[in-house]
């Protein structure tokens, strides 16, 4: 898997996630903890579709395992991202851009390892 292709797809998914986050935050009164989790899952759907089309084209051990583990890891990460937004808010950091940068750095590195070595490993 090329890190450059992976990075490009993650950037596209991030844009989808971030623009949705800013839009929903601006036009609603919902908590950022919930919005950030929801928009992260939106970005996850975009990344899965793009990664299957352009990066992980080889067969994996099981399609059911692949889809379940991809979205399960995304669900767990969305909870962690919500926790990051909650924690940064508690610490007085309310800048949505800084909050998203912190959350994205953590999710990018951890999910890269999970996706490359567990979910999309070659059979």
C-alpha atoms as a PDB file:
ATOM      1  CA  UNK A   1       0.000   0.000   0.000  1.00  0.00           C
ATOM      2  CA  UNK A   2       1.394   3.358  -0.937  1.00  0.00           C
ATOM      3  CA  UNK A   3       1.446   5.851   1.881  1.00  0.00           C
ATOM      4  CA  UNK A   4       0.982   8.649  -0.672  1.00  0.00           C
ATOM      5  CA  UNK A   5      -2.291   7.202  -1.992  1.00  0.00           C
ATOM      6  CA  UNK A   6      -3.399   6.462   1.538  1.00  0.00           C
ATOM      7  CA  UNK A   7      -2.579  10.012   2.618  1.00  0.00           C
ATOM      8  CA  UNK A   8      -4.471  11.494  -0.344  1.00  0.00           C
ATOM      9  CA  UNK A   9      -7.577   9.428   0.384  1.00  0.00           C
ATOM     10  CA  UNK A  10      -7.409  10.266   4.075  1.00  0.00           C
ATOM     11  CA  UNK A  11      -7.178  13.958   3.123  1.00  0.00           C
ATOM     12  CA  UNK A  12     -10.313  13.668   0.963  1.00  0.00           C
ATOM     13  CA  UNK A  13     -12.151  11.881   3.780  1.00  0.00           C
ATOM     14  CA  UNK A  14     -10.848  14.491   6.234  1.00  0.00           C
ATOM     15  CA  UNK A  15     -12.242  17.299   4.068  1.00  0.00           C
ATOM     16  CA  UNK A  16     -15.625  15.592   4.002  1.00  0.00           C
ATOM     17  CA  UNK A  17     -15.471  15.100   7.764  1.00  0.00           C
ATOM     18  CA  UNK A  18     -14.167  18.585   8.574  1.00  0.00           C
ATOM     19  CA  UNK A  19     -16.467  20.536   6.262  1.00  0.00           C
ATOM     20  CA  UNK A  20     -19.460  18.612   7.619  1.00  0.00           C
ATOM     21  CA  UNK A  21     -18.247  19.282  11.158  1.00  0.00           C
ATOM     22  CA  UNK A  22     -17.915  23.024  10.600  1.00  0.00           C
ATOM     23  CA  UNK A  23     -21.223  23.243   8.727  1.00  0.00           C
ATOM     24  CA  UNK A  24     -23.220  21.343  11.357  1.00  0.00           C
ATOM     25  CA  UNK A  25     -21.465  23.191  14.199  1.00  0.00           C
ATOM     26  CA  UNK A  26     -22.242  26.566  12.593  1.00  0.00           C
ATOM     27  CA  UNK A  27     -25.891  25.886  11.777  1.00  0.00           C
ATOM     28  CA  UNK A  28     -26.979  23.837  14.785  1.00  0.00           C
ATOM     29  CA  UNK A  29     -26.698  23.906  18.517  1.00  0.00           C
ATOM     30  CA  UNK A  30     -25.579  20.279  18.886  1.00  0.00           C
ATOM     31  CA  UNK A  31     -22.622  19.387  21.073  1.00  0.00           C
ATOM     32  CA  UNK A  32     -19.296  19.104  19.263  1.00  0.00           C
ATOM     33  CA  UNK A  33     -18.729  15.790  21.016  1.00  0.00           C
ATOM     34  CA  UNK A  34     -21.648  14.265  19.099  1.00  0.00           C
ATOM     35  CA  UNK A  35     -21.074  16.187  15.860  1.00  0.00           C
ATOM     36  CA  UNK A  36     -17.414  15.171  15.709  1.00  0.00           C
ATOM     37  CA  UNK A  37     -18.274  11.499  16.156  1.00  0.00           C
ATOM     38  CA  UNK A  38     -20.991  11.616  13.501  1.00  0.00           C
ATOM     39  CA  UNK A  39     -18.946  13.491  10.897  1.00  0.00           C
ATOM     40  CA  UNK A  40     -15.982  11.191  11.523  1.00  0.00           C
ATOM     41  CA  UNK A  41     -18.166   8.229  10.569  1.00  0.00           C
ATOM     42  CA  UNK A  42     -19.222  10.128   7.431  1.00  0.00           C
ATOM     43  CA  UNK A  43     -15.575  10.554   6.478  1.00  0.00           C
ATOM     44  CA  UNK A  44     -15.015   6.873   7.218  1.00  0.00           C
ATOM     45  CA  UNK A  45     -17.603   5.857   4.646  1.00  0.00           C
ATOM     46  CA  UNK A  46     -15.885   8.033   2.044  1.00  0.00           C
ATOM     47  CA  UNK A  47     -12.455   6.608   2.911  1.00  0.00           C
ATOM     48  CA  UNK A  48     -13.658   2.991   2.773  1.00  0.00           C
ATOM     49  CA  UNK A  49     -15.132   3.397  -0.689  1.00  0.00           C
ATOM     50  CA  UNK A  50     -12.038   5.164  -2.030  1.00  0.00           C
ATOM     51  CA  UNK A  51      -9.574   2.765  -0.389  1.00  0.00           C
ATOM     52  CA  UNK A  52     -11.342  -0.299  -1.777  1.00  0.00           C
ATOM     53  CA  UNK A  53     -11.336   1.233  -5.250  1.00  0.00           C
ATOM     54  CA  UNK A  54      -7.779   2.603  -5.365  1.00  0.00           C
ATOM     55  CA  UNK A  55      -5.570   0.968  -2.706  1.00  0.00           C
ATOM     56  CA  UNK A  56      -6.772  -2.300  -1.215  1.00  0.00           C
ATOM     57  CA  UNK A  57      -7.840  -3.975  -4.438  1.00  0.00           C
ATOM     58  CA  UNK A  58      -6.436  -7.406  -3.544  1.00  0.00           C
ATOM     59  CA  UNK A  59      -8.681 -10.040  -1.970  1.00  0.00           C
ATOM     60  CA  UNK A  60      -8.748 -10.158   1.805  1.00  0.00           C
ATOM     61  CA  UNK A  61      -9.436 -13.110   4.066  1.00  0.00           C
ATOM     62  CA  UNK A  62     -13.140 -12.407   4.384  1.00  0.00           C
ATOM     63  CA  UNK A  63     -15.358  -9.630   3.024  1.00  0.00           C
ATOM     64  CA  UNK A  64     -17.528  -9.769   6.147  1.00  0.00           C
ATOM     65  CA  UNK A  65     -14.462  -9.505   8.405  1.00  0.00           C
ATOM     66  CA  UNK A  66     -13.124  -6.641   6.309  1.00  0.00           C
ATOM     67  CA  UNK A  67     -16.304  -4.546   6.402  1.00  0.00           C
ATOM     68  CA  UNK A  68     -17.090  -5.326  10.037  1.00  0.00           C
ATOM     69  CA  UNK A  69     -13.576  -4.611  11.294  1.00  0.00           C
ATOM     70  CA  UNK A  70     -13.208  -1.455   9.169  1.00  0.00           C
ATOM     71  CA  UNK A  71     -16.401   0.093  10.493  1.00  0.00           C
ATOM     72  CA  UNK A  72     -15.966  -1.289  14.014  1.00  0.00           C
ATOM     73  CA  UNK A  73     -12.518   0.331  14.229  1.00  0.00           C
ATOM     74  CA  UNK A  74     -14.054   3.535  12.841  1.00  0.00           C
ATOM     75  CA  UNK A  75     -16.845   3.388  15.431  1.00  0.00           C
ATOM     76  CA  UNK A  76     -14.350   2.951  18.258  1.00  0.00           C
ATOM     77  CA  UNK A  77     -12.224   5.767  16.844  1.00  0.00           C
ATOM     78  CA  UNK A  78     -15.299   8.017  16.574  1.00  0.00           C
ATOM     79  CA  UNK A  79     -15.896   7.492  20.299  1.00  0.00           C
ATOM     80  CA  UNK A  80     -12.255   8.355  20.968  1.00  0.00           C
ATOM     81  CA  UNK A  81     -12.575  11.476  18.818  1.00  0.00           C
ATOM     82  CA  UNK A  82     -15.672  12.504  20.751  1.00  0.00           C
ATOM     83  CA  UNK A  83     -13.677  11.980  23.947  1.00  0.00           C
ATOM     84  CA  UNK A  84     -10.833  14.116  22.560  1.00  0.00           C
ATOM     85  CA  UNK A  85     -13.285  16.941  21.780  1.00  0.00           C
ATOM     86  CA  UNK A  86     -14.822  16.579  25.249  1.00  0.00           C
ATOM     87  CA  UNK A  87     -11.413  16.615  26.959  1.00  0.00           C
ATOM     88  CA  UNK A  88     -10.067  19.569  25.005  1.00  0.00           C
ATOM     89  CA  UNK A  89     -13.257  21.477  25.760  1.00  0.00           C
ATOM     90  CA  UNK A  90     -12.862  20.706  29.474  1.00  0.00           C
ATOM     91  CA  UNK A  91      -9.298  22.014  29.290  1.00  0.00           C
ATOM     92  CA  UNK A  92     -10.592  25.275  27.836  1.00  0.00           C
ATOM     93  CA  UNK A  93      -9.520  24.629  24.247  1.00  0.00           C
ATOM     94  CA  UNK A  94     -12.576  25.514  22.180  1.00  0.00           C
ATOM     95  CA  UNK A  95     -11.020  26.222  18.788  1.00  0.00           C
ATOM     96  CA  UNK A  96     -12.630  23.681  16.478  1.00  0.00           C
ATOM     97  CA  UNK A  97      -9.647  23.628  14.113  1.00  0.00           C
ATOM     98  CA  UNK A  98      -7.144  22.845  16.866  1.00  0.00           C
ATOM     99  CA  UNK A  99      -9.468  20.208  18.312  1.00  0.00           C
ATOM    100  CA  UNK A 100      -9.811  18.548  14.897  1.00  0.00           C
ATOM    101  CA  UNK A 101      -6.050  18.617  14.243  1.00  0.00           C
ATOM    102  CA  UNK A 102      -5.371  16.852  17.549  1.00  0.00           C
ATOM    103  CA  UNK A 103      -8.068  14.250  16.896  1.00  0.00           C
ATOM    104  CA  UNK A 104      -6.958  13.690  13.294  1.00  0.00           C
ATOM    105  CA  UNK A 105      -3.316  13.137  14.186  1.00  0.00           C
ATOM    106  CA  UNK A 106      -4.297  10.407  16.627  1.00  0.00           C
ATOM    107  CA  UNK A 107      -6.768   8.717  14.288  1.00  0.00           C
ATOM    108  CA  UNK A 108      -4.517   8.873  11.206  1.00  0.00           C
ATOM    109  CA  UNK A 109      -1.595   7.061  12.772  1.00  0.00           C
ATOM    110  CA  UNK A 110      -3.546   4.440  14.682  1.00  0.00           C
ATOM    111  CA  UNK A 111      -5.948   3.584  11.858  1.00  0.00           C
ATOM    112  CA  UNK A 112      -3.164   3.361   9.286  1.00  0.00           C
ATOM    113  CA  UNK A 113      -1.564   0.556  11.301  1.00  0.00           C
ATOM    114  CA  UNK A 114      -4.882  -1.203  11.940  1.00  0.00           C
ATOM    115  CA  UNK A 115      -5.971  -1.022   8.290  1.00  0.00           C
ATOM    116  CA  UNK A 116      -2.647  -2.042   6.785  1.00  0.00           C
ATOM    117  CA  UNK A 117      -1.742  -4.931   9.076  1.00  0.00           C
ATOM    118  CA  UNK A 118      -5.092  -6.279  10.268  1.00  0.00           C
ATOM    119  CA  UNK A 119      -8.049  -5.360   8.069  1.00  0.00           C
ATOM    120  CA  UNK A 120      -6.566  -5.286   4.577  1.00  0.00           C
ATOM    121  CA  UNK A 121      -3.722  -7.763   4.956  1.00  0.00           C
ATOM    122  CA  UNK A 122      -3.107  -9.897   1.900  1.00  0.00           C
ATOM    123  CA  UNK A 123      -4.159 -13.525   1.995  1.00  0.00           C
END
